Amino acid sequence: MLINVMYDRAEVFEDPSQLIHALYLQSAVYRALASKNNDEQVFFLKATKTAEEALDIYSKHELDDIKLEGKIYFNLGSTLQLLAA
């Protein structure tokens, strides 16, 4: 699946912001798939887990990129909002 390919390629980057960007995109893909499949809850949970992983990596590496941090929180908020609906 395309999502796994994105994640595998992102792991080889030395810059953690590239991995975070890949996770951000992966979470967005899961959110999009949720609206197209019967197993919405499964995809929303995957989207949330992926967004949380991006936040963990951001925090662990103590990055100082407010735009990237904003994308992470926007993505996480979107997944949690849809999950709660």
C-alpha atoms as a PDB file:
ATOM      1  CA  MET A   1       0.000   0.000   0.000  1.00  0.00           C
ATOM      2  CA  LEU A   2       1.196   3.532  -0.760  1.00  0.00           C
ATOM      3  CA  ILE A   3       1.114   4.519   2.906  1.00  0.00           C
ATOM      4  CA  ASN A   4       3.664   1.868   3.840  1.00  0.00           C
ATOM      5  CA  VAL A   5       5.953   2.937   1.006  1.00  0.00           C
ATOM      6  CA  MET A   6       5.844   6.560   2.214  1.00  0.00           C
ATOM      7  CA  TYR A   7       6.721   5.536   5.741  1.00  0.00           C
ATOM      8  CA  ASP A   8       9.542   3.205   4.684  1.00  0.00           C
ATOM      9  CA  ARG A   9      11.156   5.876   2.525  1.00  0.00           C
ATOM     10  CA  ALA A  10      10.804   8.554   5.203  1.00  0.00           C
ATOM     11  CA  GLU A  11      12.693   6.437   7.745  1.00  0.00           C
ATOM     12  CA  VAL A  12      15.909   6.743   5.732  1.00  0.00           C
ATOM     13  CA  PHE A  13      16.014  10.538   6.063  1.00  0.00           C
ATOM     14  CA  GLU A  14      18.324  11.939   8.664  1.00  0.00           C
ATOM     15  CA  ASP A  15      16.156  15.027   9.107  1.00  0.00           C
ATOM     16  CA  PRO A  16      13.272  14.151  11.472  1.00  0.00           C
ATOM     17  CA  SER A  17      11.126  16.892   9.947  1.00  0.00           C
ATOM     18  CA  GLN A  18      10.958  14.866   6.727  1.00  0.00           C
ATOM     19  CA  LEU A  19       9.660  11.845   8.622  1.00  0.00           C
ATOM     20  CA  ILE A  20       7.138  14.058  10.413  1.00  0.00           C
ATOM     21  CA  HIS A  21       5.982  15.450   7.074  1.00  0.00           C
ATOM     22  CA  ALA A  22       5.531  11.905   5.735  1.00  0.00           C
ATOM     23  CA  LEU A  23       3.525  10.954   8.830  1.00  0.00           C
ATOM     24  CA  TYR A  24       1.420  14.084   8.423  1.00  0.00           C
ATOM     25  CA  LEU A  25       0.584  13.069   4.861  1.00  0.00           C
ATOM     26  CA  GLN A  26      -0.032   9.474   5.900  1.00  0.00           C
ATOM     27  CA  SER A  27      -2.530  10.597   8.526  1.00  0.00           C
ATOM     28  CA  ALA A  28      -4.313  12.744   5.934  1.00  0.00           C
ATOM     29  CA  VAL A  29      -4.564   9.732   3.618  1.00  0.00           C
ATOM     30  CA  TYR A  30      -6.105   7.648   6.427  1.00  0.00           C
ATOM     31  CA  ARG A  31      -8.667  10.401   7.049  1.00  0.00           C
ATOM     32  CA  ALA A  32      -9.555  10.444   3.352  1.00  0.00           C
ATOM     33  CA  LEU A  33      -9.850   6.652   3.253  1.00  0.00           C
ATOM     34  CA  ALA A  34     -12.174   6.743   6.255  1.00  0.00           C
ATOM     35  CA  SER A  35     -14.768   8.647   4.270  1.00  0.00           C
ATOM     36  CA  LYS A  36     -14.553   6.127   1.427  1.00  0.00           C
ATOM     37  CA  ASN A  37     -14.737   2.860   3.407  1.00  0.00           C
ATOM     38  CA  ASN A  38     -17.171   1.063   5.651  1.00  0.00           C
ATOM     39  CA  ASP A  39     -14.568   0.742   8.410  1.00  0.00           C
ATOM     40  CA  GLU A  40     -14.455   4.477   9.155  1.00  0.00           C
ATOM     41  CA  GLN A  41     -13.497   3.955  12.796  1.00  0.00           C
ATOM     42  CA  VAL A  42     -10.475   1.825  11.893  1.00  0.00           C
ATOM     43  CA  PHE A  43      -9.092   4.467   9.543  1.00  0.00           C
ATOM     44  CA  PHE A  44      -9.775   7.307  11.980  1.00  0.00           C
ATOM     45  CA  LEU A  45      -7.880   5.406  14.669  1.00  0.00           C
ATOM     46  CA  LYS A  46      -4.961   4.878  12.276  1.00  0.00           C
ATOM     47  CA  ALA A  47      -5.025   8.576  11.381  1.00  0.00           C
ATOM     48  CA  THR A  48      -4.956   9.529  15.059  1.00  0.00           C
ATOM     49  CA  LYS A  49      -2.159   7.107  15.900  1.00  0.00           C
ATOM     50  CA  THR A  50      -0.073   8.389  12.990  1.00  0.00           C
ATOM     51  CA  ALA A  51      -0.620  12.042  13.962  1.00  0.00           C
ATOM     52  CA  GLU A  52       0.338  11.225  17.559  1.00  0.00           C
ATOM     53  CA  GLU A  53       3.507   9.528  16.317  1.00  0.00           C
ATOM     54  CA  ALA A  54       4.436  12.687  14.404  1.00  0.00           C
ATOM     55  CA  LEU A  55       3.924  14.737  17.570  1.00  0.00           C
ATOM     56  CA  ASP A  56       6.070  12.320  19.585  1.00  0.00           C
ATOM     57  CA  ILE A  57       8.918  12.587  17.073  1.00  0.00           C
ATOM     58  CA  TYR A  58       8.615  16.374  17.019  1.00  0.00           C
ATOM     59  CA  SER A  59       8.804  16.536  20.811  1.00  0.00           C
ATOM     60  CA  LYS A  60      11.600  13.975  21.086  1.00  0.00           C
ATOM     61  CA  HIS A  61      13.843  15.881  18.691  1.00  0.00           C
ATOM     62  CA  GLU A  62      12.929  19.251  20.225  1.00  0.00           C
ATOM     63  CA  LEU A  63      12.417  20.795  16.805  1.00  0.00           C
ATOM     64  CA  ASP A  64      11.745  24.512  16.553  1.00  0.00           C
ATOM     65  CA  ASP A  65       9.558  24.766  13.456  1.00  0.00           C
ATOM     66  CA  ILE A  66       6.269  26.459  14.273  1.00  0.00           C
ATOM     67  CA  LYS A  67       4.779  25.724  10.834  1.00  0.00           C
ATOM     68  CA  LEU A  68       5.488  22.021  11.149  1.00  0.00           C
ATOM     69  CA  GLU A  69       4.190  21.984  14.709  1.00  0.00           C
ATOM     70  CA  GLY A  70       1.027  23.747  13.528  1.00  0.00           C
ATOM     71  CA  LYS A  71       0.489  21.118  10.838  1.00  0.00           C
ATOM     72  CA  ILE A  72       0.863  18.353  13.400  1.00  0.00           C
ATOM     73  CA  TYR A  73      -1.684  19.888  15.777  1.00  0.00           C
ATOM     74  CA  PHE A  74      -4.095  20.719  12.946  1.00  0.00           C
ATOM     75  CA  ASN A  75      -3.896  17.144  11.723  1.00  0.00           C
ATOM     76  CA  LEU A  76      -4.289  15.687  15.195  1.00  0.00           C
ATOM     77  CA  GLY A  77      -7.237  17.953  15.912  1.00  0.00           C
ATOM     78  CA  SER A  78      -8.911  16.949  12.648  1.00  0.00           C
ATOM     79  CA  THR A  79      -8.570  13.261  13.365  1.00  0.00           C
ATOM     80  CA  LEU A  80      -9.826  13.576  16.934  1.00  0.00           C
ATOM     81  CA  GLN A  81     -12.760  15.732  15.880  1.00  0.00           C
ATOM     82  CA  LEU A  82     -13.839  13.218  13.255  1.00  0.00           C
ATOM     83  CA  LEU A  83     -13.319  10.344  15.680  1.00  0.00           C
ATOM     84  CA  ALA A  84     -15.561  11.984  18.285  1.00  0.00           C
ATOM     85  CA  ALA A  85     -18.348  12.682  15.755  1.00  0.00           C
END
